[in-house]
Amino acid sequence: MTYTEMLETLKKLTLTERLALMEAVLHLTREELQQREQQPATYERTERLAAAAQALQPDYTTDAELTSFTVLDSEDFTDNDGYVRRPITEETTHDQSIR
């Protein structure tokens, strides 16, 4: 149905029917807008984050203020559940842990 056909059909409706239709359209529009606000476009967000990470990579590999904490990379750490985690290396994976 074209836009013109929809308008012609709307003219045939009573005022009450048109108001009910408008309420339904507004309700659907609000729902769609809320969904868009709650769920940002995952692909676009991922692309922006990847581009930002690539742009900052030189800083994180050469800037002494940003790389000073890498000396801790080889130390085990405790997660929120009390598990001791070993850093990810070629020999280990993130799911290897000890209590």
C-alpha atoms as a PDB file:
ATOM      1  CA  MET A   1       0.000   0.000   0.000  1.00  0.00           C
ATOM      2  CA  THR A   2       1.415   3.365  -0.986  1.00  0.00           C
ATOM      3  CA  TYR A   3       1.488   6.424   1.222  1.00  0.00           C
ATOM      4  CA  THR A   4      -1.294   8.039  -0.848  1.00  0.00           C
ATOM      5  CA  GLU A   5      -3.449   4.912  -0.537  1.00  0.00           C
ATOM      6  CA  MET A   6      -2.948   4.907   3.223  1.00  0.00           C
ATOM      7  CA  LEU A   7      -4.063   8.535   3.450  1.00  0.00           C
ATOM      8  CA  GLU A   8      -7.162   7.815   1.377  1.00  0.00           C
ATOM      9  CA  THR A   9      -7.996   4.865   3.625  1.00  0.00           C
ATOM     10  CA  LEU A  10      -7.515   7.002   6.728  1.00  0.00           C
ATOM     11  CA  LYS A  11     -10.003   9.536   5.381  1.00  0.00           C
ATOM     12  CA  LYS A  12     -12.621   6.801   5.338  1.00  0.00           C
ATOM     13  CA  LEU A  13     -12.151   6.029   9.041  1.00  0.00           C
ATOM     14  CA  THR A  14     -14.160   7.700  11.755  1.00  0.00           C
ATOM     15  CA  LEU A  15     -12.457  10.146  14.094  1.00  0.00           C
ATOM     16  CA  THR A  16     -12.479   7.548  16.873  1.00  0.00           C
ATOM     17  CA  GLU A  17     -10.893   4.953  14.603  1.00  0.00           C
ATOM     18  CA  ARG A  18      -8.209   7.405  13.458  1.00  0.00           C
ATOM     19  CA  LEU A  19      -7.379   8.325  17.062  1.00  0.00           C
ATOM     20  CA  ALA A  20      -7.118   4.658  18.027  1.00  0.00           C
ATOM     21  CA  LEU A  21      -4.812   4.061  15.064  1.00  0.00           C
ATOM     22  CA  MET A  22      -2.663   7.051  16.006  1.00  0.00           C
ATOM     23  CA  GLU A  23      -2.342   5.724  19.565  1.00  0.00           C
ATOM     24  CA  ALA A  24      -1.236   2.344  18.244  1.00  0.00           C
ATOM     25  CA  VAL A  25       1.335   3.930  15.915  1.00  0.00           C
ATOM     26  CA  LEU A  26       2.710   6.099  18.727  1.00  0.00           C
ATOM     27  CA  HIS A  27       2.948   3.076  21.012  1.00  0.00           C
ATOM     28  CA  LEU A  28       4.878   1.082  18.385  1.00  0.00           C
ATOM     29  CA  THR A  29       7.169   4.056  17.716  1.00  0.00           C
ATOM     30  CA  ARG A  30       7.946   4.525  21.423  1.00  0.00           C
ATOM     31  CA  GLU A  31       8.749   0.812  21.806  1.00  0.00           C
ATOM     32  CA  GLU A  32      11.120   0.897  18.856  1.00  0.00           C
ATOM     33  CA  LEU A  33      12.889   4.025  20.128  1.00  0.00           C
ATOM     34  CA  GLN A  34      13.328   2.484  23.583  1.00  0.00           C
ATOM     35  CA  GLN A  35      14.806  -0.680  22.083  1.00  0.00           C
ATOM     36  CA  ARG A  36      17.274   1.356  20.045  1.00  0.00           C
ATOM     37  CA  GLU A  37      18.355   3.307  23.141  1.00  0.00           C
ATOM     38  CA  GLN A  38      18.796   0.146  25.210  1.00  0.00           C
ATOM     39  CA  GLN A  39      20.636  -1.840  22.547  1.00  0.00           C
ATOM     40  CA  PRO A  40      23.220   0.232  20.719  1.00  0.00           C
ATOM     41  CA  ALA A  41      24.258  -1.171  17.379  1.00  0.00           C
ATOM     42  CA  THR A  42      26.745  -3.851  18.421  1.00  0.00           C
ATOM     43  CA  TYR A  43      28.599  -3.907  15.134  1.00  0.00           C
ATOM     44  CA  GLU A  44      29.058  -0.126  15.028  1.00  0.00           C
ATOM     45  CA  ARG A  45      30.187  -0.046  18.661  1.00  0.00           C
ATOM     46  CA  THR A  46      32.670  -2.867  18.047  1.00  0.00           C
ATOM     47  CA  GLU A  47      34.054  -1.091  15.001  1.00  0.00           C
ATOM     48  CA  ARG A  48      34.500   2.178  16.930  1.00  0.00           C
ATOM     49  CA  LEU A  49      36.229   0.384  19.816  1.00  0.00           C
ATOM     50  CA  ALA A  50      38.533  -1.502  17.440  1.00  0.00           C
ATOM     51  CA  ALA A  51      39.476   1.723  15.643  1.00  0.00           C
ATOM     52  CA  ALA A  52      40.171   3.447  18.980  1.00  0.00           C
ATOM     53  CA  ALA A  53      42.300   0.537  20.174  1.00  0.00           C
ATOM     54  CA  GLN A  54      44.344   0.575  16.972  1.00  0.00           C
ATOM     55  CA  ALA A  55      44.829   4.333  17.209  1.00  0.00           C
ATOM     56  CA  LEU A  56      46.118   4.025  20.791  1.00  0.00           C
ATOM     57  CA  GLN A  57      48.315   0.957  20.240  1.00  0.00           C
ATOM     58  CA  PRO A  58      51.518   2.968  19.681  1.00  0.00           C
ATOM     59  CA  ASP A  59      50.942   4.827  22.953  1.00  0.00           C
ATOM     60  CA  TYR A  60      50.472   1.608  24.901  1.00  0.00           C
ATOM     61  CA  THR A  61      53.651   0.068  23.496  1.00  0.00           C
ATOM     62  CA  THR A  62      55.997   3.056  23.842  1.00  0.00           C
ATOM     63  CA  ASP A  63      54.639   5.491  26.468  1.00  0.00           C
ATOM     64  CA  ALA A  64      56.425   4.749  29.755  1.00  0.00           C
ATOM     65  CA  GLU A  65      53.510   6.024  31.824  1.00  0.00           C
ATOM     66  CA  LEU A  66      51.192   3.511  30.180  1.00  0.00           C
ATOM     67  CA  THR A  67      53.614   0.578  30.081  1.00  0.00           C
ATOM     68  CA  SER A  68      54.975   0.825  33.624  1.00  0.00           C
ATOM     69  CA  PHE A  69      52.420  -1.627  35.004  1.00  0.00           C
ATOM     70  CA  THR A  70      53.311  -4.335  32.483  1.00  0.00           C
ATOM     71  CA  VAL A  71      55.974  -5.541  34.919  1.00  0.00           C
ATOM     72  CA  LEU A  72      53.045  -7.042  36.848  1.00  0.00           C
ATOM     73  CA  ASP A  73      51.864  -9.069  33.855  1.00  0.00           C
ATOM     74  CA  SER A  74      53.690 -12.191  34.968  1.00  0.00           C
ATOM     75  CA  GLU A  75      52.182 -12.192  38.485  1.00  0.00           C
ATOM     76  CA  ASP A  76      49.154 -14.271  39.474  1.00  0.00           C
ATOM     77  CA  PHE A  77      46.083 -12.345  40.589  1.00  0.00           C
ATOM     78  CA  THR A  78      42.920 -13.181  42.515  1.00  0.00           C
ATOM     79  CA  ASP A  79      39.535 -12.656  40.866  1.00  0.00           C
ATOM     80  CA  ASN A  80      36.306 -11.651  42.631  1.00  0.00           C
ATOM     81  CA  ASP A  81      35.412 -15.285  43.333  1.00  0.00           C
ATOM     82  CA  GLY A  82      38.671 -15.946  45.158  1.00  0.00           C
ATOM     83  CA  TYR A  83      40.321 -17.892  42.356  1.00  0.00           C
ATOM     84  CA  VAL A  84      43.978 -17.285  41.683  1.00  0.00           C
ATOM     85  CA  ARG A  85      44.398 -16.622  37.984  1.00  0.00           C
ATOM     86  CA  ARG A  86      47.601 -16.939  36.083  1.00  0.00           C
ATOM     87  CA  PRO A  87      48.344 -14.437  33.353  1.00  0.00           C
ATOM     88  CA  ILE A  88      47.633 -15.572  29.823  1.00  0.00           C
ATOM     89  CA  THR A  89      50.825 -16.725  28.160  1.00  0.00           C
ATOM     90  CA  GLU A  90      51.654 -19.133  25.391  1.00  0.00           C
ATOM     91  CA  GLU A  91      51.719 -21.949  27.952  1.00  0.00           C
ATOM     92  CA  THR A  92      48.499 -21.085  29.819  1.00  0.00           C
ATOM     93  CA  THR A  93      44.959 -20.063  29.002  1.00  0.00           C
ATOM     94  CA  HIS A  94      42.550 -17.865  30.933  1.00  0.00           C
ATOM     95  CA  ASP A  95      40.476 -20.819  32.153  1.00  0.00           C
ATOM     96  CA  GLN A  96      43.342 -22.455  34.053  1.00  0.00           C
ATOM     97  CA  SER A  97      43.068 -21.486  37.693  1.00  0.00           C
ATOM     98  CA  ILE A  98      43.828 -22.767  41.155  1.00  0.00           C
ATOM     99  CA  ARG A  99      41.930 -22.221  44.389  1.00  0.00           C
END
